[in-house]
Amino acid sequence: MFGRDEMRREDIRREEVRRDEVFRMERWRRRRRLMVGGMVVVGSTEAMVKMSAAQATQIQQATGQNPEDMSHEELQRAMQQQGIQGQPVTAEDQQAMAAAEATAPQG
């Protein structure tokens, strides 16, 4: 028979797992890869990075991760290690990202 403390620990663990799942879903929804004017824009409306498709592929090959699956800090570090300079983000890029986030499914 389970004691009260054991039941409480199970409930706490379940809540931690749920919180982790929600965090991963939120992070997934916020980070995107868009093609805008022949360039790749990665990130979210809060933090975007613009680069060529070849540079995005170079980062993916070097890190084993898609740029959109990396945190902004991880992506910046990978870009620095690969000698990649991001391109200036334009108003068009910001509008495209905002539109993509607005139309994203809220699953």
N, C-alpha and C. Protein backbone atom coordinates (compact mmCIF):
# COMPACT_ATOMS: atom_id res chain seq x y z
N MET A 1 0.85 -1.19 0.00
CA MET A 1 0.00 0.00 0.00
C MET A 1 0.89 1.24 0.00
N PHE A 2 0.52 2.19 -0.81
CA PHE A 2 1.30 3.42 -0.93
C PHE A 2 1.01 4.33 0.25
N GLY A 3 2.07 4.94 0.75
CA GLY A 3 1.91 5.94 1.78
C GLY A 3 1.56 7.27 1.17
N ARG A 4 1.16 8.19 2.01
CA ARG A 4 0.76 9.52 1.55
C ARG A 4 1.93 10.23 0.85
N ASP A 5 3.15 10.09 1.40
CA ASP A 5 4.32 10.74 0.80
C ASP A 5 4.63 10.19 -0.59
N GLU A 6 4.48 8.87 -0.77
CA GLU A 6 4.74 8.27 -2.07
C GLU A 6 3.74 8.76 -3.10
N MET A 7 2.48 8.90 -2.73
CA MET A 7 1.46 9.40 -3.65
C MET A 7 1.77 10.85 -4.01
N ARG A 8 2.17 11.63 -3.04
CA ARG A 8 2.48 13.03 -3.29
C ARG A 8 3.66 13.15 -4.26
N ARG A 9 4.68 12.32 -4.10
CA ARG A 9 5.83 12.34 -5.01
C ARG A 9 5.42 11.97 -6.42
N GLU A 10 4.53 10.99 -6.55
CA GLU A 10 4.05 10.63 -7.89
C GLU A 10 3.29 11.79 -8.54
N ASP A 11 2.45 12.45 -7.75
CA ASP A 11 1.71 13.60 -8.29
C ASP A 11 2.65 14.73 -8.71
N ILE A 12 3.66 14.97 -7.91
CA ILE A 12 4.64 16.02 -8.23
C ILE A 12 5.38 15.66 -9.50
N ARG A 13 5.79 14.41 -9.61
CA ARG A 13 6.52 13.96 -10.81
C ARG A 13 5.65 14.10 -12.06
N ARG A 14 4.38 13.70 -11.96
CA ARG A 14 3.47 13.83 -13.11
C ARG A 14 3.33 15.29 -13.52
N GLU A 15 3.23 16.19 -12.54
CA GLU A 15 3.10 17.61 -12.83
C GLU A 15 4.38 18.14 -13.49
N GLU A 16 5.55 17.68 -13.05
CA GLU A 16 6.81 18.09 -13.67
C GLU A 16 6.87 17.63 -15.12
N VAL A 17 6.44 16.41 -15.39
CA VAL A 17 6.44 15.88 -16.75
C VAL A 17 5.51 16.70 -17.63
N ARG A 18 4.30 17.01 -17.11
CA ARG A 18 3.35 17.82 -17.88
C ARG A 18 3.93 19.20 -18.19
N ARG A 19 4.57 19.82 -17.20
CA ARG A 19 5.15 21.15 -17.38
C ARG A 19 6.25 21.10 -18.45
N ASP A 20 7.08 20.06 -18.42
CA ASP A 20 8.13 19.90 -19.43
C ASP A 20 7.54 19.75 -20.83
N GLU A 21 6.45 18.97 -20.94
CA GLU A 21 5.82 18.78 -22.24
C GLU A 21 5.24 20.09 -22.77
N VAL A 22 4.61 20.86 -21.91
CA VAL A 22 4.05 22.15 -22.31
C VAL A 22 5.17 23.09 -22.75
N PHE A 23 6.28 23.11 -22.00
CA PHE A 23 7.40 23.96 -22.36
C PHE A 23 7.94 23.60 -23.74
N ARG A 24 8.10 22.29 -24.00
CA ARG A 24 8.60 21.87 -25.32
C ARG A 24 7.63 22.27 -26.41
N MET A 25 6.32 22.14 -26.17
CA MET A 25 5.35 22.53 -27.19
C MET A 25 5.41 24.04 -27.42
N GLU A 26 5.51 24.83 -26.35
CA GLU A 26 5.59 26.28 -26.50
C GLU A 26 6.84 26.67 -27.26
N ARG A 27 7.98 26.07 -26.93
CA ARG A 27 9.22 26.37 -27.61
C ARG A 27 9.10 26.02 -29.08
N TRP A 28 8.49 24.87 -29.37
CA TRP A 28 8.32 24.44 -30.75
C TRP A 28 7.47 25.44 -31.51
N ARG A 29 6.42 25.92 -30.91
CA ARG A 29 5.55 26.87 -31.60
C ARG A 29 6.24 28.20 -31.86
N ARG A 30 7.14 28.60 -30.99
CA ARG A 30 7.76 29.90 -31.12
C ARG A 30 8.85 29.95 -32.18
N ARG A 31 9.57 28.86 -32.42
CA ARG A 31 10.72 28.87 -33.32
C ARG A 31 10.32 28.32 -34.69
N ARG A 32 10.69 29.03 -35.74
CA ARG A 32 10.31 28.65 -37.09
C ARG A 32 11.46 28.86 -38.05
N ARG A 33 11.29 28.25 -39.23
CA ARG A 33 12.20 28.52 -40.36
C ARG A 33 11.31 28.96 -41.51
N LEU A 34 11.58 30.15 -42.03
CA LEU A 34 10.81 30.69 -43.15
C LEU A 34 11.76 31.04 -44.28
N MET A 35 11.26 30.95 -45.49
CA MET A 35 12.00 31.45 -46.66
C MET A 35 11.37 32.79 -47.03
N VAL A 36 12.18 33.83 -46.99
CA VAL A 36 11.71 35.17 -47.33
C VAL A 36 12.71 35.77 -48.31
N GLY A 37 12.24 36.04 -49.50
CA GLY A 37 13.12 36.66 -50.49
C GLY A 37 14.38 35.86 -50.78
N GLY A 38 14.28 34.53 -50.77
CA GLY A 38 15.42 33.68 -51.06
C GLY A 38 16.36 33.45 -49.89
N MET A 39 16.07 34.03 -48.73
CA MET A 39 16.90 33.86 -47.54
C MET A 39 16.11 33.07 -46.49
N VAL A 40 16.83 32.44 -45.58
CA VAL A 40 16.21 31.69 -44.49
C VAL A 40 16.14 32.61 -43.27
N VAL A 41 14.95 32.70 -42.69
CA VAL A 41 14.77 33.44 -41.44
C VAL A 41 14.40 32.41 -40.38
N VAL A 42 15.19 32.36 -39.30
CA VAL A 42 15.01 31.37 -38.25
C VAL A 42 14.73 32.08 -36.94
N GLY A 43 13.79 31.57 -36.18
CA GLY A 43 13.55 32.10 -34.84
C GLY A 43 12.10 32.37 -34.58
N SER A 44 11.86 33.51 -33.94
CA SER A 44 10.51 33.93 -33.57
C SER A 44 10.46 35.44 -33.70
N THR A 45 9.30 36.02 -33.43
CA THR A 45 9.21 37.47 -33.52
C THR A 45 10.08 38.15 -32.47
N GLU A 46 10.42 37.44 -31.39
CA GLU A 46 11.27 38.02 -30.35
C GLU A 46 12.75 38.01 -30.74
N ALA A 47 13.19 37.00 -31.48
CA ALA A 47 14.61 36.86 -31.81
C ALA A 47 14.74 36.12 -33.14
N MET A 48 15.09 36.86 -34.19
CA MET A 48 15.22 36.28 -35.53
C MET A 48 16.65 36.37 -36.01
N VAL A 49 17.02 35.40 -36.83
CA VAL A 49 18.32 35.39 -37.49
C VAL A 49 18.06 35.11 -38.97
N LYS A 50 18.72 35.87 -39.83
CA LYS A 50 18.55 35.70 -41.28
C LYS A 50 19.87 35.25 -41.88
N MET A 51 19.81 34.22 -42.73
CA MET A 51 21.00 33.67 -43.38
C MET A 51 20.59 33.02 -44.68
N SER A 52 21.57 32.60 -45.47
CA SER A 52 21.27 31.90 -46.72
C SER A 52 20.89 30.45 -46.40
N ALA A 53 20.25 29.80 -47.35
CA ALA A 53 19.90 28.38 -47.19
C ALA A 53 21.16 27.53 -47.03
N ALA A 54 22.23 27.89 -47.75
CA ALA A 54 23.49 27.14 -47.65
C ALA A 54 24.09 27.28 -46.25
N GLN A 55 23.97 28.47 -45.66
CA GLN A 55 24.48 28.66 -44.31
C GLN A 55 23.67 27.87 -43.29
N ALA A 56 22.35 27.81 -43.48
CA ALA A 56 21.50 27.02 -42.58
C ALA A 56 21.89 25.54 -42.67
N THR A 57 22.15 25.07 -43.88
CA THR A 57 22.58 23.69 -44.09
C THR A 57 23.94 23.45 -43.44
N GLN A 58 24.84 24.41 -43.56
CA GLN A 58 26.17 24.31 -42.94
C GLN A 58 26.05 24.17 -41.42
N ILE A 59 25.18 24.95 -40.81
CA ILE A 59 24.97 24.86 -39.35
C ILE A 59 24.39 23.50 -38.99
N GLN A 60 23.43 23.05 -39.78
CA GLN A 60 22.81 21.75 -39.52
C GLN A 60 23.84 20.63 -39.61
N GLN A 61 24.70 20.67 -40.59
CA GLN A 61 25.72 19.64 -40.75
C GLN A 61 26.75 19.69 -39.62
N ALA A 62 27.11 20.89 -39.18
CA ALA A 62 28.12 21.04 -38.13
C ALA A 62 27.60 20.64 -36.76
N THR A 63 26.32 20.91 -36.49
CA THR A 63 25.77 20.69 -35.15
C THR A 63 24.91 19.43 -35.04
N GLY A 64 24.41 18.96 -36.18
CA GLY A 64 23.49 17.83 -36.15
C GLY A 64 22.07 18.22 -35.77
N GLN A 65 21.80 19.53 -35.70
CA GLN A 65 20.47 20.03 -35.35
C GLN A 65 20.00 21.02 -36.42
N ASN A 66 18.70 21.06 -36.62
CA ASN A 66 18.14 22.09 -37.48
C ASN A 66 18.26 23.43 -36.77
N PRO A 67 18.58 24.51 -37.48
CA PRO A 67 18.70 25.82 -36.83
C PRO A 67 17.44 26.22 -36.05
N GLU A 68 16.26 25.88 -36.57
CA GLU A 68 15.03 26.27 -35.88
C GLU A 68 14.79 25.47 -34.60
N ASP A 69 15.51 24.37 -34.42
CA ASP A 69 15.37 23.57 -33.20
C ASP A 69 16.34 24.01 -32.11
N MET A 70 17.21 24.95 -32.43
CA MET A 70 18.22 25.44 -31.48
C MET A 70 17.68 26.68 -30.77
N SER A 71 18.15 26.91 -29.55
CA SER A 71 17.82 28.16 -28.88
C SER A 71 18.56 29.29 -29.62
N HIS A 72 18.15 30.51 -29.36
CA HIS A 72 18.79 31.65 -30.01
C HIS A 72 20.29 31.69 -29.66
N GLU A 73 20.60 31.39 -28.40
CA GLU A 73 21.99 31.40 -27.96
C GLU A 73 22.80 30.29 -28.64
N GLU A 74 22.22 29.10 -28.75
CA GLU A 74 22.90 27.99 -29.43
C GLU A 74 23.15 28.33 -30.90
N LEU A 75 22.16 28.93 -31.54
CA LEU A 75 22.30 29.30 -32.95
C LEU A 75 23.39 30.36 -33.13
N GLN A 76 23.41 31.35 -32.25
CA GLN A 76 24.44 32.38 -32.33
C GLN A 76 25.84 31.78 -32.15
N ARG A 77 25.97 30.86 -31.21
CA ARG A 77 27.26 30.20 -30.97
C ARG A 77 27.68 29.37 -32.18
N ALA A 78 26.74 28.63 -32.77
CA ALA A 78 27.04 27.83 -33.96
C ALA A 78 27.44 28.72 -35.13
N MET A 79 26.75 29.83 -35.29
CA MET A 79 27.10 30.76 -36.37
C MET A 79 28.51 31.29 -36.17
N GLN A 80 28.85 31.64 -34.95
CA GLN A 80 30.19 32.16 -34.66
C GLN A 80 31.24 31.09 -34.95
N GLN A 81 30.98 29.86 -34.51
CA GLN A 81 31.95 28.78 -34.74
C GLN A 81 32.15 28.49 -36.22
N GLN A 82 31.10 28.67 -37.02
CA GLN A 82 31.18 28.41 -38.45
C GLN A 82 31.58 29.66 -39.25
N GLY A 83 31.76 30.78 -38.57
CA GLY A 83 32.14 32.01 -39.26
C GLY A 83 31.02 32.59 -40.11
N ILE A 84 29.80 32.39 -39.69
CA ILE A 84 28.63 32.86 -40.44
C ILE A 84 28.14 34.17 -39.85
N GLN A 85 28.01 35.17 -40.71
CA GLN A 85 27.46 36.46 -40.31
C GLN A 85 25.99 36.49 -40.71
N GLY A 86 25.12 36.78 -39.77
CA GLY A 86 23.71 36.92 -40.08
C GLY A 86 23.46 38.15 -40.93
N GLN A 87 22.39 38.13 -41.70
CA GLN A 87 22.00 39.26 -42.53
C GLN A 87 21.03 40.14 -41.73
N PRO A 88 20.94 41.42 -42.07
CA PRO A 88 19.99 42.29 -41.37
C PRO A 88 18.54 41.81 -41.59
N VAL A 89 17.78 41.77 -40.51
CA VAL A 89 16.37 41.39 -40.59
C VAL A 89 15.57 42.61 -41.03
N THR A 90 14.73 42.42 -42.04
CA THR A 90 13.95 43.54 -42.60
C THR A 90 12.53 43.53 -42.05
N ALA A 91 11.80 44.59 -42.34
CA ALA A 91 10.40 44.67 -41.94
C ALA A 91 9.60 43.55 -42.60
N GLU A 92 9.95 43.21 -43.84
CA GLU A 92 9.28 42.11 -44.55
C GLU A 92 9.48 40.78 -43.80
N ASP A 93 10.71 40.56 -43.30
CA ASP A 93 11.00 39.34 -42.54
C ASP A 93 10.16 39.31 -41.26
N GLN A 94 10.09 40.43 -40.57
CA GLN A 94 9.32 40.50 -39.33
C GLN A 94 7.84 40.27 -39.58
N GLN A 95 7.32 40.82 -40.67
CA GLN A 95 5.91 40.62 -41.01
C GLN A 95 5.63 39.16 -41.36
N ALA A 96 6.54 38.53 -42.09
CA ALA A 96 6.36 37.12 -42.46
C ALA A 96 6.37 36.23 -41.22
N MET A 97 7.27 36.51 -40.27
CA MET A 97 7.33 35.72 -39.04
C MET A 97 6.06 35.93 -38.21
N ALA A 98 5.61 37.16 -38.09
CA ALA A 98 4.39 37.45 -37.33
C ALA A 98 3.19 36.75 -37.97
N ALA A 99 3.12 36.75 -39.29
CA ALA A 99 2.02 36.08 -39.99
C ALA A 99 2.08 34.57 -39.77
N ALA A 100 3.29 33.99 -39.80
CA ALA A 100 3.44 32.55 -39.57
C ALA A 100 3.03 32.18 -38.16
N GLU A 101 3.38 33.01 -37.19
CA GLU A 101 2.99 32.73 -35.81
C GLU A 101 1.49 32.89 -35.60
N ALA A 102 0.89 33.85 -36.30
CA ALA A 102 -0.55 34.08 -36.15
C ALA A 102 -1.37 32.94 -36.75
N THR A 103 -0.85 32.29 -37.79
CA THR A 103 -1.60 31.22 -38.45
C THR A 103 -1.22 29.83 -37.95
N ALA A 104 -0.29 29.76 -36.98
CA ALA A 104 0.16 28.46 -36.47
C ALA A 104 -0.97 27.77 -35.71
N PRO A 105 -1.08 26.45 -35.86
CA PRO A 105 -2.10 25.73 -35.09
C PRO A 105 -1.78 25.81 -33.61
N GLN A 106 -2.79 25.93 -32.81
CA GLN A 106 -2.62 26.05 -31.36
C GLN A 106 -2.83 24.72 -30.67
N GLY A 107 -2.28 23.62 -31.23
CA GLY A 107 -2.46 22.27 -30.72
C GLY A 107 -1.73 22.03 -29.56
